[in-house]
Amino acid sequence: DNIALISNSTGPITYNNLIEKINIIKKN
């Protein structure tokens, strides 16, 4: 749950969130 990325448009993205996005890309 550490914050990995943060921006004004997305808000904070945790490492768990990042892994979820990585897995979506991996499926494609």
PDB file of all heavy atoms in Angstrom:
ATOM      1  N   ASP A   1       0.800  -1.225   0.000  1.00  0.00           N
ATOM      2  CA  ASP A   1       0.000   0.000   0.000  1.00  0.00           C
ATOM      3  C   ASP A   1       0.832   1.274   0.000  1.00  0.00           C
ATOM      4  O   ASP A   1       0.276   2.372   0.148  1.00  0.00           O
ATOM      5  CB  ASP A   1      -0.943   0.004   1.209  1.00  0.00           C
ATOM      6  CG  ASP A   1      -2.060  -1.033   1.069  1.00  0.00           C
ATOM      7  OD1 ASP A   1      -2.508  -1.259  -0.068  1.00  0.00           O
ATOM      8  OD2 ASP A   1      -2.472  -1.616   2.088  1.00  0.00           O
ATOM      9  N   ASN A   2       2.152   1.151  -0.147  1.00  0.00           N
ATOM     10  CA  ASN A   2       2.963   2.357  -0.334  1.00  0.00           C
ATOM     11  C   ASN A   2       2.537   3.039  -1.626  1.00  0.00           C
ATOM     12  O   ASN A   2       2.175   2.379  -2.603  1.00  0.00           O
ATOM     13  CB  ASN A   2       4.453   2.002  -0.443  1.00  0.00           C
ATOM     14  CG  ASN A   2       5.044   1.576   0.883  1.00  0.00           C
ATOM     15  OD1 ASN A   2       4.351   1.486   1.877  1.00  0.00           O
ATOM     16  ND2 ASN A   2       6.337   1.297   0.872  1.00  0.00           N
ATOM     17  N   ILE A   3       2.596   4.349  -1.648  1.00  0.00           N
ATOM     18  CA  ILE A   3       2.271   5.078  -2.871  1.00  0.00           C
ATOM     19  C   ILE A   3       3.412   4.929  -3.871  1.00  0.00           C
ATOM     20  O   ILE A   3       4.580   5.160  -3.544  1.00  0.00           O
ATOM     21  CB  ILE A   3       2.007   6.567  -2.577  1.00  0.00           C
ATOM     22  CG1 ILE A   3       0.744   6.716  -1.725  1.00  0.00           C
ATOM     23  CG2 ILE A   3       1.859   7.357  -3.880  1.00  0.00           C
ATOM     24  CD1 ILE A   3       0.496   8.125  -1.248  1.00  0.00           C
ATOM     25  N   ALA A   4       3.081   4.535  -5.088  1.00  0.00           N
ATOM     26  CA  ALA A   4       4.071   4.403  -6.159  1.00  0.00           C
ATOM     27  C   ALA A   4       4.069   5.658  -7.038  1.00  0.00           C
ATOM     28  O   ALA A   4       5.113   6.262  -7.286  1.00  0.00           O
ATOM     29  CB  ALA A   4       3.770   3.179  -7.005  1.00  0.00           C
ATOM     30  N   LEU A   5       2.892   6.024  -7.519  1.00  0.00           N
ATOM     31  CA  LEU A   5       2.736   7.164  -8.415  1.00  0.00           C
ATOM     32  C   LEU A   5       1.631   8.065  -7.901  1.00  0.00           C
ATOM     33  O   LEU A   5       0.669   7.596  -7.285  1.00  0.00           O
ATOM     34  CB  LEU A   5       2.388   6.688  -9.831  1.00  0.00           C
ATOM     35  CG  LEU A   5       3.329   5.658 -10.466  1.00  0.00           C
ATOM     36  CD1 LEU A   5       2.732   5.130 -11.763  1.00  0.00           C
ATOM     37  CD2 LEU A   5       4.709   6.255 -10.712  1.00  0.00           C
ATOM     38  N   ILE A   6       1.755   9.337  -8.181  1.00  0.00           N
ATOM     39  CA  ILE A   6       0.706  10.280  -7.793  1.00  0.00           C
ATOM     40  C   ILE A   6       0.689  11.427  -8.797  1.00  0.00           C
ATOM     41  O   ILE A   6       1.738  11.873  -9.269  1.00  0.00           O
ATOM     42  CB  ILE A   6       0.925  10.792  -6.347  1.00  0.00           C
ATOM     43  CG1 ILE A   6      -0.197  11.737  -5.912  1.00  0.00           C
ATOM     44  CG2 ILE A   6       2.287  11.420  -6.174  1.00  0.00           C
ATOM     45  CD1 ILE A   6      -0.174  12.058  -4.433  1.00  0.00           C
ATOM     46  N   SER A   7      -0.504  11.868  -9.163  1.00  0.00           N
ATOM     47  CA  SER A   7      -0.640  13.023 -10.052  1.00  0.00           C
ATOM     48  C   SER A   7      -1.938  13.733  -9.708  1.00  0.00           C
ATOM     49  O   SER A   7      -2.795  13.181  -9.013  1.00  0.00           O
ATOM     50  CB  SER A   7      -0.649  12.594 -11.527  1.00  0.00           C
ATOM     51  OG  SER A   7      -1.881  11.988 -11.862  1.00  0.00           O
ATOM     52  N   ASN A   8      -2.086  14.932 -10.200  1.00  0.00           N
ATOM     53  CA  ASN A   8      -3.315  15.684  -9.939  1.00  0.00           C
ATOM     54  C   ASN A   8      -4.524  15.033 -10.594  1.00  0.00           C
ATOM     55  O   ASN A   8      -5.651  15.133 -10.089  1.00  0.00           O
ATOM     56  CB  ASN A   8      -3.169  17.124 -10.438  1.00  0.00           C
ATOM     57  CG  ASN A   8      -2.250  17.939  -9.558  1.00  0.00           C
ATOM     58  OD1 ASN A   8      -2.041  17.613  -8.386  1.00  0.00           O
ATOM     59  ND2 ASN A   8      -1.679  19.005 -10.113  1.00  0.00           N
ATOM     60  N   SER A   9      -4.325  14.353 -11.720  1.00  0.00           N
ATOM     61  CA  SER A   9      -5.458  13.764 -12.443  1.00  0.00           C
ATOM     62  C   SER A   9      -5.872  12.401 -11.897  1.00  0.00           C
ATOM     63  O   SER A   9      -7.036  12.028 -11.970  1.00  0.00           O
ATOM     64  CB  SER A   9      -5.128  13.643 -13.934  1.00  0.00           C
ATOM     65  OG  SER A   9      -3.994  12.820 -14.120  1.00  0.00           O
ATOM     66  N   THR A  10      -4.915  11.653 -11.332  1.00  0.00           N
ATOM     67  CA  THR A  10      -5.235  10.297 -10.867  1.00  0.00           C
ATOM     68  C   THR A  10      -5.316  10.168  -9.359  1.00  0.00           C
ATOM     69  O   THR A  10      -5.912   9.225  -8.840  1.00  0.00           O
ATOM     70  CB  THR A  10      -4.163   9.294 -11.341  1.00  0.00           C
ATOM     71  OG1 THR A  10      -2.902   9.635 -10.747  1.00  0.00           O
ATOM     72  CG2 THR A  10      -4.045   9.294 -12.844  1.00  0.00           C
ATOM     73  N   GLY A  11      -4.707  11.104  -8.633  1.00  0.00           N
ATOM     74  CA  GLY A  11      -4.558  10.911  -7.206  1.00  0.00           C
ATOM     75  C   GLY A  11      -3.486   9.867  -6.943  1.00  0.00           C
ATOM     76  O   GLY A  11      -2.779   9.436  -7.857  1.00  0.00           O
ATOM     77  N   PRO A  12      -3.358   9.392  -5.687  1.00  0.00           N
ATOM     78  CA  PRO A  12      -2.314   8.411  -5.370  1.00  0.00           C
ATOM     79  C   PRO A  12      -2.611   7.029  -5.926  1.00  0.00           C
ATOM     80  O   PRO A  12      -3.747   6.566  -5.902  1.00  0.00           O
ATOM     81  CB  PRO A  12      -2.299   8.390  -3.835  1.00  0.00           C
ATOM     82  CG  PRO A  12      -3.641   8.897  -3.420  1.00  0.00           C
ATOM     83  CD  PRO A  12      -4.088   9.849  -4.480  1.00  0.00           C
ATOM     84  N   ILE A  13      -1.598   6.384  -6.443  1.00  0.00           N
ATOM     85  CA  ILE A  13      -1.677   5.019  -6.963  1.00  0.00           C
ATOM     86  C   ILE A  13      -0.700   4.180  -6.155  1.00  0.00           C
ATOM     87  O   ILE A  13       0.515   4.422  -6.181  1.00  0.00           O
ATOM     88  CB  ILE A  13      -1.310   4.970  -8.460  1.00  0.00           C
ATOM     89  CG1 ILE A  13      -2.324   5.781  -9.269  1.00  0.00           C
ATOM     90  CG2 ILE A  13      -1.253   3.534  -8.969  1.00  0.00           C
ATOM     91  CD1 ILE A  13      -1.918   6.008 -10.713  1.00  0.00           C
ATOM     92  N   THR A  14      -1.211   3.212  -5.397  1.00  0.00           N
ATOM     93  CA  THR A  14      -0.347   2.371  -4.575  1.00  0.00           C
ATOM     94  C   THR A  14       0.359   1.329  -5.439  1.00  0.00           C
ATOM     95  O   THR A  14       0.005   1.119  -6.600  1.00  0.00           O
ATOM     96  CB  THR A  14      -1.151   1.657  -3.486  1.00  0.00           C
ATOM     97  OG1 THR A  14      -2.025   0.703  -4.114  1.00  0.00           O
ATOM     98  CG2 THR A  14      -1.956   2.636  -2.637  1.00  0.00           C
ATOM     99  N   TYR A  15       1.321   0.648  -4.824  1.00  0.00           N
ATOM    100  CA  TYR A  15       1.979  -0.444  -5.543  1.00  0.00           C
ATOM    101  C   TYR A  15       1.001  -1.568  -5.852  1.00  0.00           C
ATOM    102  O   TYR A  15       1.097  -2.217  -6.901  1.00  0.00           O
ATOM    103  CB  TYR A  15       3.192  -0.951  -4.755  1.00  0.00           C
ATOM    104  CG  TYR A  15       4.411  -0.098  -4.986  1.00  0.00           C
ATOM    105  CD1 TYR A  15       4.672   1.007  -4.172  1.00  0.00           C
ATOM    106  CD2 TYR A  15       5.279  -0.351  -6.039  1.00  0.00           C
ATOM    107  CE1 TYR A  15       5.782   1.816  -4.394  1.00  0.00           C
ATOM    108  CE2 TYR A  15       6.393   0.450  -6.266  1.00  0.00           C
ATOM    109  CZ  TYR A  15       6.636   1.531  -5.444  1.00  0.00           C
ATOM    110  OH  TYR A  15       7.730   2.340  -5.683  1.00  0.00           O
ATOM    111  N   ASN A  16       0.043  -1.805  -4.966  1.00  0.00           N
ATOM    112  CA  ASN A  16      -0.995  -2.806  -5.253  1.00  0.00           C
ATOM    113  C   ASN A  16      -1.818  -2.398  -6.474  1.00  0.00           C
ATOM    114  O   ASN A  16      -2.125  -3.230  -7.335  1.00  0.00           O
ATOM    115  CB  ASN A  16      -1.912  -2.989  -4.047  1.00  0.00           C
ATOM    116  CG  ASN A  16      -1.271  -3.807  -2.940  1.00  0.00           C
ATOM    117  OD1 ASN A  16      -0.343  -4.575  -3.190  1.00  0.00           O
ATOM    118  ND2 ASN A  16      -1.743  -3.643  -1.716  1.00  0.00           N
ATOM    119  N   ASN A  17      -2.174  -1.095  -6.553  1.00  0.00           N
ATOM    120  CA  ASN A  17      -2.894  -0.590  -7.726  1.00  0.00           C
ATOM    121  C   ASN A  17      -2.050  -0.740  -8.988  1.00  0.00           C
ATOM    122  O   ASN A  17      -2.559  -1.111 -10.046  1.00  0.00           O
ATOM    123  CB  ASN A  17      -3.244   0.897  -7.560  1.00  0.00           C
ATOM    124  CG  ASN A  17      -4.139   1.207  -6.390  1.00  0.00           C
ATOM    125  OD1 ASN A  17      -4.013   2.269  -5.775  1.00  0.00           O
ATOM    126  ND2 ASN A  17      -5.044   0.298  -6.046  1.00  0.00           N
ATOM    127  N   LEU A  18      -0.768  -0.451  -8.855  1.00  0.00           N
ATOM    128  CA  LEU A  18       0.157  -0.546  -9.983  1.00  0.00           C
ATOM    129  C   LEU A  18       0.232  -1.983 -10.499  1.00  0.00           C
ATOM    130  O   LEU A  18       0.189  -2.222 -11.714  1.00  0.00           O
ATOM    131  CB  LEU A  18       1.536  -0.048  -9.559  1.00  0.00           C
ATOM    132  CG  LEU A  18       2.664  -0.095 -10.598  1.00  0.00           C
ATOM    133  CD1 LEU A  18       2.308   0.710 -11.837  1.00  0.00           C
ATOM    134  CD2 LEU A  18       3.974   0.414  -9.988  1.00  0.00           C
ATOM    135  N   ILE A  19       0.320  -2.934  -9.597  1.00  0.00           N
ATOM    136  CA  ILE A  19       0.363  -4.345  -9.982  1.00  0.00           C
ATOM    137  C   ILE A  19      -0.910  -4.747 -10.730  1.00  0.00           C
ATOM    138  O   ILE A  19      -0.868  -5.491 -11.727  1.00  0.00           O
ATOM    139  CB  ILE A  19       0.567  -5.245  -8.753  1.00  0.00           C
ATOM    140  CG1 ILE A  19       1.940  -5.012  -8.127  1.00  0.00           C
ATOM    141  CG2 ILE A  19       0.389  -6.721  -9.109  1.00  0.00           C
ATOM    142  CD1 ILE A  19       3.101  -5.377  -9.009  1.00  0.00           C
ATOM    143  N   GLU A  20      -2.050  -4.240 -10.288  1.00  0.00           N
ATOM    144  CA  GLU A  20      -3.323  -4.536 -10.971  1.00  0.00           C
ATOM    145  C   GLU A  20      -3.275  -4.049 -12.419  1.00  0.00           C
ATOM    146  O   GLU A  20      -3.701  -4.760 -13.343  1.00  0.00           O
ATOM    147  CB  GLU A  20      -4.483  -3.868 -10.236  1.00  0.00           C
ATOM    148  CG  GLU A  20      -4.815  -4.498  -8.887  1.00  0.00           C
ATOM    149  CD  GLU A  20      -5.847  -3.699  -8.110  1.00  0.00           C
ATOM    150  OE1 GLU A  20      -6.365  -2.692  -8.664  1.00  0.00           O
ATOM    151  OE2 GLU A  20      -6.143  -4.060  -6.953  1.00  0.00           O
ATOM    152  N   LYS A  21      -2.781  -2.829 -12.630  1.00  0.00           N
ATOM    153  CA  LYS A  21      -2.681  -2.278 -13.988  1.00  0.00           C
ATOM    154  C   LYS A  21      -1.671  -3.079 -14.825  1.00  0.00           C
ATOM    155  O   LYS A  21      -1.905  -3.330 -16.015  1.00  0.00           O
ATOM    156  CB  LYS A  21      -2.256  -0.805 -13.933  1.00  0.00           C
ATOM    157  CG  LYS A  21      -3.213   0.115 -13.190  1.00  0.00           C
ATOM    158  CD  LYS A  21      -4.538   0.249 -13.883  1.00  0.00           C
ATOM    159  CE  LYS A  21      -5.422   1.274 -13.183  1.00  0.00           C
ATOM    160  NZ  LYS A  21      -6.786   1.328 -13.753  1.00  0.00           N
ATOM    161  N   ILE A  22      -0.566  -3.464 -14.212  1.00  0.00           N
ATOM    162  CA  ILE A  22       0.450  -4.261 -14.906  1.00  0.00           C
ATOM    163  C   ILE A  22      -0.145  -5.584 -15.377  1.00  0.00           C
ATOM    164  O   ILE A  22       0.121  -6.041 -16.491  1.00  0.00           O
ATOM    165  CB  ILE A  22       1.665  -4.491 -13.983  1.00  0.00           C
ATOM    166  CG1 ILE A  22       2.457  -3.193 -13.827  1.00  0.00           C
ATOM    167  CG2 ILE A  22       2.569  -5.603 -14.525  1.00  0.00           C
ATOM    168  CD1 ILE A  22       3.547  -3.251 -12.782  1.00  0.00           C
ATOM    169  N   ASN A  23      -0.965  -6.202 -14.534  1.00  0.00           N
ATOM    170  CA  ASN A  23      -1.584  -7.484 -14.886  1.00  0.00           C
ATOM    171  C   ASN A  23      -2.607  -7.335 -16.015  1.00  0.00           C
ATOM    172  O   ASN A  23      -2.774  -8.247 -16.835  1.00  0.00           O
ATOM    173  CB  ASN A  23      -2.234  -8.112 -13.655  1.00  0.00           C
ATOM    174  CG  ASN A  23      -1.204  -8.641 -12.676  1.00  0.00           C
ATOM    175  OD1 ASN A  23      -0.080  -8.937 -13.054  1.00  0.00           O
ATOM    176  ND2 ASN A  23      -1.575  -8.753 -11.413  1.00  0.00           N
ATOM    177  N   ILE A  24      -3.293  -6.185 -16.069  1.00  0.00           N
ATOM    178  CA  ILE A  24      -4.218  -5.920 -17.179  1.00  0.00           C
ATOM    179  C   ILE A  24      -3.439  -5.858 -18.497  1.00  0.00           C
ATOM    180  O   ILE A  24      -3.841  -6.446 -19.508  1.00  0.00           O
ATOM    181  CB  ILE A  24      -4.980  -4.596 -16.943  1.00  0.00           C
ATOM    182  CG1 ILE A  24      -6.004  -4.756 -15.808  1.00  0.00           C
ATOM    183  CG2 ILE A  24      -5.703  -4.145 -18.231  1.00  0.00           C
ATOM    184  CD1 ILE A  24      -6.655  -3.458 -15.382  1.00  0.00           C
ATOM    185  N   ILE A  25      -2.313  -5.161 -18.472  1.00  0.00           N
ATOM    186  CA  ILE A  25      -1.486  -5.060 -19.677  1.00  0.00           C
ATOM    187  C   ILE A  25      -0.910  -6.425 -20.050  1.00  0.00           C
ATOM    188  O   ILE A  25      -0.859  -6.794 -21.232  1.00  0.00           O
ATOM    189  CB  ILE A  25      -0.366  -4.017 -19.468  1.00  0.00           C
ATOM    190  CG1 ILE A  25      -0.984  -2.624 -19.269  1.00  0.00           C
ATOM    191  CG2 ILE A  25       0.599  -4.005 -20.662  1.00  0.00           C
ATOM    192  CD1 ILE A  25       0.011  -1.546 -18.907  1.00  0.00           C
ATOM    193  N   LYS A  26      -0.517  -7.200 -19.042  1.00  0.00           N
ATOM    194  CA  LYS A  26       0.061  -8.525 -19.283  1.00  0.00           C
ATOM    195  C   LYS A  26      -0.918  -9.443 -20.012  1.00  0.00           C
ATOM    196  O   LYS A  26      -0.511 -10.264 -20.847  1.00  0.00           O
ATOM    197  CB  LYS A  26       0.468  -9.153 -17.954  1.00  0.00           C
ATOM    198  CG  LYS A  26       1.219 -10.465 -18.091  1.00  0.00           C
ATOM    199  CD  LYS A  26       1.680 -10.980 -16.729  1.00  0.00           C
ATOM    200  CE  LYS A  26       2.484 -12.260 -16.878  1.00  0.00           C
ATOM    201  NZ  LYS A  26       2.966 -12.749 -15.555  1.00  0.00           N
ATOM    202  N   LYS A  27      -2.215  -9.313 -19.728  1.00  0.00           N
ATOM    203  CA  LYS A  27      -3.224 -10.134 -20.392  1.00  0.00           C
ATOM    204  C   LYS A  27      -3.332  -9.811 -21.883  1.00  0.00           C
ATOM    205  O   LYS A  27      -3.761 -10.641 -22.681  1.00  0.00           O
ATOM    206  CB  LYS A  27      -4.588  -9.938 -19.724  1.00  0.00           C
ATOM    207  CG  LYS A  27      -4.681 -10.526 -18.320  1.00  0.00           C
ATOM    208  CD  LYS A  27      -6.042 -10.244 -17.706  1.00  0.00           C
ATOM    209  CE  LYS A  27      -6.130 -10.799 -16.287  1.00  0.00           C
ATOM    210  NZ  LYS A  27      -7.437 -10.486 -15.653  1.00  0.00           N
ATOM    211  N   ASN A  28      -2.947  -8.595 -22.247  1.00  0.00           N
ATOM    212  CA  ASN A  28      -3.071  -8.150 -23.636  1.00  0.00           C
ATOM    213  C   ASN A  28      -1.786  -8.258 -24.444  1.00  0.00           C
ATOM    214  O   ASN A  28      -1.833  -8.353 -25.676  1.00  0.00           O
ATOM    215  CB  ASN A  28      -3.548  -6.692 -23.662  1.00  0.00           C
ATOM    216  CG  ASN A  28      -4.997  -6.538 -23.259  1.00  0.00           C
ATOM    217  OD1 ASN A  28      -5.898  -6.855 -24.033  1.00  0.00           O
ATOM    218  ND2 ASN A  28      -5.237  -6.069 -22.039  1.00  0.00           N
TER     219      ASN A  28
END
